[in-house]
C-alpha atoms as a PDB file:
ATOM      1  CA  MET A   1      -0.341   0.091   0.336  1.00  0.00           C
ATOM      2  CA  ASP A   2       1.564   3.359  -1.368  1.00  0.00           C
ATOM      3  CA  ASP A   3      -0.451   5.616   1.182  1.00  0.00           C
ATOM      4  CA  CYS A   4       0.404   3.267   4.420  1.00  0.00           C
ATOM      5  CA  LEU A   5       3.727   5.016   6.766  1.00  0.00           C
ATOM      6  CA  PHE A   6       4.005   1.336   7.574  1.00  0.00           C
ATOM      7  CA  CYS A   7       4.368   0.028   3.821  1.00  0.00           C
ATOM      8  CA  ARG A   8       6.585   2.491   3.339  1.00  0.00           C
ATOM      9  CA  ILE A   9       9.551   1.668   6.212  1.00  0.00           C
ATOM     10  CA  VAL A  10       8.846  -1.720   5.051  1.00  0.00           C
ATOM     11  CA  ALA A  11      10.108  -1.553   1.757  1.00  0.00           C
ATOM     12  CA  GLY A  12      12.737   1.006   2.304  1.00  0.00           C
ATOM     13  CA  ARG A  13      11.685   4.025   1.188  1.00  0.00           C
ATOM     14  CA  ILE A  14      11.228   5.594   4.653  1.00  0.00           C
ATOM     15  CA  PRO A  15      14.062   5.109   7.129  1.00  0.00           C
ATOM     16  CA  ALA A  16      13.620   3.589  10.595  1.00  0.00           C
ATOM     17  CA  ARG A  17      15.883   1.950  13.614  1.00  0.00           C
ATOM     18  CA  LYS A  18      15.485  -0.978  13.089  1.00  0.00           C
ATOM     19  CA  VAL A  19      15.742  -3.946  16.070  1.00  0.00           C
ATOM     20  CA  PHE A  20      14.560  -7.074  14.700  1.00  0.00           C
ATOM     21  CA  GLU A  21      13.905  -7.710  11.119  1.00  0.00           C
ATOM     22  CA  ASP A  22      12.448 -11.494   9.959  1.00  0.00           C
ATOM     23  CA  ASP A  23      10.244 -12.406   6.751  1.00  0.00           C
ATOM     24  CA  GLU A  24       6.996 -11.567   8.599  1.00  0.00           C
ATOM     25  CA  ILE A  25       7.910  -8.775  11.420  1.00  0.00           C
ATOM     26  CA  LEU A  26       9.948  -5.465  11.761  1.00  0.00           C
ATOM     27  CA  ALA A  27      10.339  -4.052  15.228  1.00  0.00           C
ATOM     28  CA  PHE A  28      11.504  -0.518  15.078  1.00  0.00           C
ATOM     29  CA  HIS A  29      12.098   1.919  17.562  1.00  0.00           C
ATOM     30  CA  ASP A  30       9.108   4.424  18.094  1.00  0.00           C
ATOM     31  CA  ILE A  31      10.014   7.924  16.760  1.00  0.00           C
ATOM     32  CA  ASN A  32       7.833   9.560  19.532  1.00  0.00           C
ATOM     33  CA  PRO A  33       8.799   7.650  23.040  1.00  0.00           C
ATOM     34  CA  ALA A  34       6.612   7.311  25.430  1.00  0.00           C
ATOM     35  CA  ARG A  35       9.184   5.264  27.918  1.00  0.00           C
ATOM     36  CA  PRO A  36      12.939   4.836  27.402  1.00  0.00           C
ATOM     37  CA  VAL A  37      11.934   1.649  25.594  1.00  0.00           C
ATOM     38  CA  HIS A  38       9.346   1.482  23.186  1.00  0.00           C
ATOM     39  CA  LEU A  39       9.283  -0.644  20.011  1.00  0.00           C
ATOM     40  CA  LEU A  40       6.748  -0.881  17.012  1.00  0.00           C
ATOM     41  CA  VAL A  41       6.366  -4.514  16.136  1.00  0.00           C
ATOM     42  CA  ILE A  42       4.798  -5.026  12.541  1.00  0.00           C
ATOM     43  CA  PRO A  43       3.502  -7.179  10.571  1.00  0.00           C
ATOM     44  CA  LYS A  44       5.491  -6.923   6.867  1.00  0.00           C
ATOM     45  CA  ARG A  45       2.023  -7.348   5.306  1.00  0.00           C
ATOM     46  CA  HIS A  46      -0.001  -5.184   5.079  1.00  0.00           C
ATOM     47  CA  ILE A  47      -3.121  -5.704   8.410  1.00  0.00           C
ATOM     48  CA  THR A  48      -5.420  -2.849   8.632  1.00  0.00           C
ATOM     49  CA  SER A  49      -5.560  -3.513  12.461  1.00  0.00           C
ATOM     50  CA  LEU A  50      -6.407  -6.038  14.793  1.00  0.00           C
ATOM     51  CA  ALA A  51     -10.062  -5.734  14.000  1.00  0.00           C
ATOM     52  CA  THR A  52      -9.363  -7.005   9.933  1.00  0.00           C
ATOM     53  CA  VAL A  53      -7.622 -10.248  11.998  1.00  0.00           C
ATOM     54  CA  SER A  54      -8.685 -13.602  10.626  1.00  0.00           C
ATOM     55  CA  ASP A  55      -7.433 -17.138  11.254  1.00  0.00           C
ATOM     56  CA  ALA A  56      -5.056 -16.497   8.514  1.00  0.00           C
ATOM     57  CA  ASP A  57      -3.232 -14.215  10.293  1.00  0.00           C
ATOM     58  CA  THR A  58      -2.854 -16.355  13.216  1.00  0.00           C
ATOM     59  CA  ALA A  59       1.414 -17.052  12.659  1.00  0.00           C
ATOM     60  CA  VAL A  60       2.086 -13.436  12.484  1.00  0.00           C
ATOM     61  CA  LEU A  61       0.141 -12.106  15.425  1.00  0.00           C
ATOM     62  CA  GLY A  62       2.186 -14.960  17.412  1.00  0.00           C
ATOM     63  CA  ARG A  63       4.941 -14.209  15.972  1.00  0.00           C
ATOM     64  CA  MET A  64       5.267 -10.436  17.047  1.00  0.00           C
ATOM     65  CA  LEU A  65       4.222 -11.455  20.728  1.00  0.00           C
ATOM     66  CA  ALA A  66       7.123 -14.656  20.192  1.00  0.00           C
ATOM     67  CA  VAL A  67       9.757 -12.025  20.031  1.00  0.00           C
ATOM     68  CA  ALA A  68       8.199  -9.351  22.126  1.00  0.00           C
ATOM     69  CA  ASN A  69      10.579 -10.357  25.398  1.00  0.00           C
ATOM     70  CA  ARG A  70      13.658 -11.123  23.926  1.00  0.00           C
ATOM     71  CA  LEU A  71      13.291  -6.754  21.979  1.00  0.00           C
ATOM     72  CA  ALA A  72      12.742  -5.323  25.182  1.00  0.00           C
ATOM     73  CA  THR A  73      15.240  -7.631  27.324  1.00  0.00           C
ATOM     74  CA  GLU A  74      17.577  -6.607  25.055  1.00  0.00           C
ATOM     75  CA  GLN A  75      16.762  -3.076  24.782  1.00  0.00           C
ATOM     76  CA  GLY A  76      16.505  -2.445  28.555  1.00  0.00           C
ATOM     77  CA  SER A  77      13.473  -3.507  30.137  1.00  0.00           C
ATOM     78  CA  PRO A  78      14.692  -7.165  31.369  1.00  0.00           C
ATOM     79  CA  ASP A  79      11.938  -6.667  34.306  1.00  0.00           C
ATOM     80  CA  GLY A  80       9.708  -6.472  32.522  1.00  0.00           C
ATOM     81  CA  PHE A  81       7.072  -4.636  29.946  1.00  0.00           C
ATOM     82  CA  ARG A  82       3.957  -3.796  28.590  1.00  0.00           C
ATOM     83  CA  VAL A  83       1.981  -4.853  25.123  1.00  0.00           C
ATOM     84  CA  ILE A  84      -0.006  -2.390  23.573  1.00  0.00           C
ATOM     85  CA  ILE A  85      -2.704  -2.819  20.527  1.00  0.00           C
ATOM     86  CA  ASN A  86      -4.287   0.518  19.691  1.00  0.00           C
ATOM     87  CA  THR A  87      -7.183  -1.011  17.270  1.00  0.00           C
ATOM     88  CA  GLY A  88      -9.689   1.447  15.632  1.00  0.00           C
ATOM     89  CA  ARG A  89     -10.944   5.235  16.432  1.00  0.00           C
ATOM     90  CA  ILE A  90     -12.017   3.702  19.772  1.00  0.00           C
ATOM     91  CA  GLY A  91      -8.492   2.534  20.524  1.00  0.00           C
ATOM     92  CA  HIS A  92      -7.570   5.861  19.191  1.00  0.00           C
ATOM     93  CA  GLN A  93      -5.417   3.580  16.534  1.00  0.00           C
ATOM     94  CA  GLU A  94      -3.286   6.746  14.426  1.00  0.00           C
ATOM     95  CA  VAL A  95      -1.409   4.186  11.541  1.00  0.00           C
ATOM     96  CA  GLN A  96      -3.562   1.933   9.798  1.00  0.00           C
ATOM     97  CA  HIS A  97      -1.397  -0.548   9.780  1.00  0.00           C
ATOM     98  CA  LEU A  98      -1.829  -3.337  12.915  1.00  0.00           C
ATOM     99  CA  HIS A  99       1.105  -2.642  15.059  1.00  0.00           C
ATOM    100  CA  ALA A 100       2.240  -3.119  18.682  1.00  0.00           C
ATOM    101  CA  HIS A 101       3.722  -1.041  21.321  1.00  0.00           C
ATOM    102  CA  ILE A 102       6.494  -2.316  23.523  1.00  0.00           C
ATOM    103  CA  VAL A 103       6.536  -0.426  26.140  1.00  0.00           C
ATOM    104  CA  GLY A 104       8.734  -0.610  29.361  1.00  0.00           C
ATOM    105  CA  GLY A 105      12.273   0.578  31.066  1.00  0.00           C
ATOM    106  CA  PRO A 106      14.208  -0.041  34.299  1.00  0.00           C
ATOM    107  CA  GLU A 107      10.759   2.027  36.085  1.00  0.00           C
ATOM    108  CA  PRO A 108       6.981   0.657  36.362  1.00  0.00           C
ATOM    109  CA  VAL A 109       5.242   1.911  33.234  1.00  0.00           C
ATOM    110  CA  GLY A 110       2.496   2.939  35.866  1.00  0.00           C
ATOM    111  CA  PRO A 111      -1.133   2.735  35.133  1.00  0.00           C
ATOM    112  CA  MET A 112      -2.513   2.199  31.564  1.00  0.00           C
ATOM    113  CA  LEU A 113      -6.199   3.469  31.930  1.00  0.00           C
ATOM    114  CA  LYS A 114      -7.633   6.526  33.914  1.00  0.00           C
ATOM    115  CA  ARG A 115     -10.962   6.069  35.742  1.00  0.00           C
ATOM    116  CA  ILE A 116     -14.105   7.209  34.281  1.00  0.00           C
END
């Protein structure tokens, strides 16, 4: 998809600070990190969001999560991390390409949601 930011990163048309890449997924540093460790893990194949996945996407979703611990540990969050997948308008998904935020660092991340 020519208009998708993450597809352009996968294609090498936009630079990214890559930390992992295989045939199915790519992981790179978030351009605006919220924590000392803030990576994005994306499927190389365009999938719009978690709301559009099917059983055919099971392997790539599993692969994304399977590398999360190793990446978080290698990047400086050995005592734990948070995985966040924003989905759709309500979930505040900003880029319409499925991506998981791996967020952590040396200190606890803190509460995720405020009570309303």
